[in-house]
C-alpha atoms as a PDB file:
ATOM      1  CA  MET A   1     183.479  22.021 113.416  1.00  0.00           C
ATOM      2  CA  GLU A   2     182.754  25.865 115.135  1.00  0.00           C
ATOM      3  CA  GLN A   3     180.610  25.983 118.029  1.00  0.00           C
ATOM      4  CA  ASP A   4     178.451  28.838 116.160  1.00  0.00           C
ATOM      5  CA  GLN A   5     178.390  26.671 113.213  1.00  0.00           C
ATOM      6  CA  THR A   6     174.738  25.620 111.699  1.00  0.00           C
ATOM      7  CA  VAL A   7     173.854  22.510 110.852  1.00  0.00           C
ATOM      8  CA  SER A   8     173.798  23.593 107.011  1.00  0.00           C
ATOM      9  CA  GLU A   9     177.568  25.008 107.280  1.00  0.00           C
ATOM     10  CA  MET A  10     178.749  21.508 109.249  1.00  0.00           C
ATOM     11  CA  ALA A  11     177.186  19.034 106.802  1.00  0.00           C
ATOM     12  CA  GLU A  12     178.671  21.607 103.499  1.00  0.00           C
ATOM     13  CA  GLU A  13     182.308  21.596 105.422  1.00  0.00           C
ATOM     14  CA  VAL A  14     181.934  17.583 105.896  1.00  0.00           C
ATOM     15  CA  LEU A  15     180.965  17.450 101.994  1.00  0.00           C
ATOM     16  CA  ASP A  16     183.788  19.207 100.978  1.00  0.00           C
ATOM     17  CA  ARG A  17     186.339  17.201 103.150  1.00  0.00           C
ATOM     18  CA  GLN A  18     185.286  14.344 101.653  1.00  0.00           C
ATOM     19  CA  ALA A  19     185.084  15.547  98.627  1.00  0.00           C
ATOM     20  CA  LYS A  20     189.127  16.836  98.338  1.00  0.00           C
ATOM     21  CA  ALA A  21     189.987  13.543 100.342  1.00  0.00           C
ATOM     22  CA  LEU A  22     188.286  11.267  97.434  1.00  0.00           C
ATOM     23  CA  ALA A  23     189.686  13.918  94.769  1.00  0.00           C
ATOM     24  CA  HIS A  24     193.245  13.656  95.791  1.00  0.00           C
ATOM     25  CA  ARG A  25     193.115   9.716  95.822  1.00  0.00           C
ATOM     26  CA  SER A  26     191.395   9.569  92.517  1.00  0.00           C
ATOM     27  CA  GLY A  27     193.001  12.437  90.739  1.00  0.00           C
ATOM     28  CA  GLN A  28     189.431  13.435  89.830  1.00  0.00           C
ATOM     29  CA  SER A  29     188.778  17.222  89.699  1.00  0.00           C
ATOM     30  CA  LEU A  30     186.853  18.158  93.030  1.00  0.00           C
ATOM     31  CA  GLU A  31     183.410  18.593  91.133  1.00  0.00           C
ATOM     32  CA  ASP A  32     183.306  15.053  90.129  1.00  0.00           C
ATOM     33  CA  ALA A  33     184.688  14.115  93.454  1.00  0.00           C
ATOM     34  CA  ARG A  34     182.103  16.116  95.003  1.00  0.00           C
ATOM     35  CA  ARG A  35     179.400  14.794  92.742  1.00  0.00           C
ATOM     36  CA  ALA A  36     180.453  10.731  93.705  1.00  0.00           C
ATOM     37  CA  VAL A  37     180.487  11.987  96.870  1.00  0.00           C
ATOM     38  CA  ALA A  38     176.976  13.592  97.010  1.00  0.00           C
ATOM     39  CA  ALA A  39     175.842  10.148  95.315  1.00  0.00           C
ATOM     40  CA  THR A  40     176.301   7.616  98.077  1.00  0.00           C
ATOM     41  CA  GLN A  41     174.242   7.022 100.684  1.00  0.00           C
ATOM     42  CA  ALA A  42     176.348   9.109 103.599  1.00  0.00           C
ATOM     43  CA  GLY A  43     176.422  11.890 100.931  1.00  0.00           C
ATOM     44  CA  ARG A  44     173.028  12.095 100.658  1.00  0.00           C
ATOM     45  CA  GLN A  45     172.139  11.893 104.005  1.00  0.00           C
ATOM     46  CA  LEU A  46     174.654  14.900 104.914  1.00  0.00           C
ATOM     47  CA  SER A  47     173.096  16.896 102.001  1.00  0.00           C
ATOM     48  CA  ASP A  48     169.714  16.332 103.360  1.00  0.00           C
ATOM     49  CA  LEU A  49     170.933  17.728 106.359  1.00  0.00           C
ATOM     50  CA  ALA A  50     172.442  20.965 104.456  1.00  0.00           C
ATOM     51  CA  THR A  51     169.157  21.758 103.286  1.00  0.00           C
ATOM     52  CA  GLY A  52     166.382  20.142 105.558  1.00  0.00           C
ATOM     53  CA  GLU A  53     164.446  20.694 108.444  1.00  0.00           C
ATOM     54  CA  HIS A  54     167.419  21.052 111.441  1.00  0.00           C
ATOM     55  CA  ARG A  55     169.563  23.418 109.060  1.00  0.00           C
ATOM     56  CA  HIS A  56     169.154  26.650 110.566  1.00  0.00           C
ATOM     57  CA  GLU A  57     169.548  25.304 114.071  1.00  0.00           C
ATOM     58  CA  GLN A  58     173.220  25.383 115.835  1.00  0.00           C
ATOM     59  CA  ALA A  59     175.113  22.150 114.976  1.00  0.00           C
ATOM     60  CA  ARG A  60     176.473  22.232 118.604  1.00  0.00           C
ATOM     61  CA  ARG A  61     172.804  21.737 120.050  1.00  0.00           C
ATOM     62  CA  TRP A  62     172.143  20.093 117.094  1.00  0.00           C
ATOM     63  CA  GLN A  63     174.253  17.138 117.978  1.00  0.00           C
ATOM     64  CA  VAL A  64     173.991  17.280 121.603  1.00  0.00           C
ATOM     65  CA  SER A  65     170.098  16.233 120.777  1.00  0.00           C
ATOM     66  CA  VAL A  66     171.015  13.544 118.014  1.00  0.00           C
ATOM     67  CA  PHE A  67     173.342  12.612 120.848  1.00  0.00           C
ATOM     68  CA  TRP A  68     170.182  12.054 123.835  1.00  0.00           C
ATOM     69  CA  GLU A  69     167.915  10.983 121.063  1.00  0.00           C
ATOM     70  CA  ARG A  70     170.332   7.851 120.138  1.00  0.00           C
ATOM     71  CA  ALA A  71     170.869   7.413 124.047  1.00  0.00           C
ATOM     72  CA  GLU A  72     167.287   7.174 124.696  1.00  0.00           C
ATOM     73  CA  GLU A  73     167.082   4.679 121.736  1.00  0.00           C
ATOM     74  CA  ARG A  74     169.742   2.398 122.952  1.00  0.00           C
ATOM     75  CA  PHE A  75     168.079   2.217 126.545  1.00  0.00           C
ATOM     76  CA  MET A  76     164.800   1.546 125.428  1.00  0.00           C
ATOM     77  CA  TYR A  77     166.259  -0.904 123.182  1.00  0.00           C
ATOM     78  CA  GLN A  78     168.221  -2.321 126.149  1.00  0.00           C
ATOM     79  CA  VAL A  79     165.464  -2.388 128.827  1.00  0.00           C
ATOM     80  CA  GLY A  80     163.593  -4.055 125.864  1.00  0.00           C
ATOM     81  CA  SER A  81     165.658  -6.696 125.600  1.00  0.00           C
ATOM     82  CA  GLU A  82     165.822  -7.358 129.386  1.00  0.00           C
ATOM     83  CA  VAL A  83     162.230  -7.399 129.478  1.00  0.00           C
ATOM     84  CA  LEU A  84     161.881 -10.145 126.618  1.00  0.00           C
ATOM     85  CA  SER A  85     164.519 -11.998 128.010  1.00  0.00           C
ATOM     86  CA  ARG A  86     163.191 -12.082 131.308  1.00  0.00           C
ATOM     87  CA  PHE A  87     159.250 -12.992 129.796  1.00  0.00           C
ATOM     88  CA  VAL A  88     161.174 -15.830 128.165  1.00  0.00           C
ATOM     89  CA  ALA A  89     162.797 -17.330 131.001  1.00  0.00           C
ATOM     90  CA  GLU A  90     159.742 -16.957 132.999  1.00  0.00           C
ATOM     91  CA  ARG A  91     157.571 -18.544 130.306  1.00  0.00           C
ATOM     92  CA  SER A  92     160.692 -21.798 130.051  1.00  0.00           C
ATOM     93  CA  TYR A  93     160.240 -21.982 134.174  1.00  0.00           C
ATOM     94  CA  SER A  94     156.777 -22.107 133.793  1.00  0.00           C
ATOM     95  CA  ARG A  95     156.618 -24.608 131.028  1.00  0.00           C
ATOM     96  CA  GLN A  96     159.430 -26.592 132.698  1.00  0.00           C
ATOM     97  CA  GLU A  97     157.397 -26.637 136.015  1.00  0.00           C
ATOM     98  CA  SER A  98     154.032 -27.743 134.485  1.00  0.00           C
ATOM     99  CA  TYR A  99     155.539 -30.569 132.618  1.00  0.00           C
ATOM    100  CA  MET A 100     157.383 -31.933 136.036  1.00  0.00           C
ATOM    101  CA  GLU A 101     153.510 -31.514 137.723  1.00  0.00           C
ATOM    102  CA  ARG A 102     152.264 -33.770 134.770  1.00  0.00           C
ATOM    103  CA  LEU A 103     155.053 -36.203 135.876  1.00  0.00           C
ATOM    104  CA  GLU A 104     154.259 -35.947 139.498  1.00  0.00           C
ATOM    105  CA  GLY A 105     150.484 -36.598 138.333  1.00  0.00           C
ATOM    106  CA  LYS A 106     151.313 -39.755 135.861  1.00  0.00           C
ATOM    107  CA  GLU A 107     153.325 -41.155 138.876  1.00  0.00           C
ATOM    108  CA  GLU A 108     150.151 -40.893 141.466  1.00  0.00           C
ATOM    109  CA  ARG A 109     147.891 -42.228 138.738  1.00  0.00           C
ATOM    110  CA  ALA A 110     150.376 -45.092 138.108  1.00  0.00           C
ATOM    111  CA  ARG A 111     150.698 -46.232 142.120  1.00  0.00           C
END
């Protein structure tokens, strides 16, 4: 990847590299390998990048923005998981507490 490369150029470069590797391994023609690579889920995603809305952005800037978006998603997932586990722990504690109160109430009534 080059600094001034666009997302489209980067995606095309990756597709070409994958097709060449497949052609080398399988003995297929480069054209057949390119079709096979483009038919995979990853190939379709790369093709979408090559022709999509971000295709004219510089690849480096786009990759940085994707990195930060993913970091934010991971952070939000972690915070959400932490909040959920605290909620469950507090709820579990309050259940135990109410159970103990009921037991103590039964003991008092029994006396």
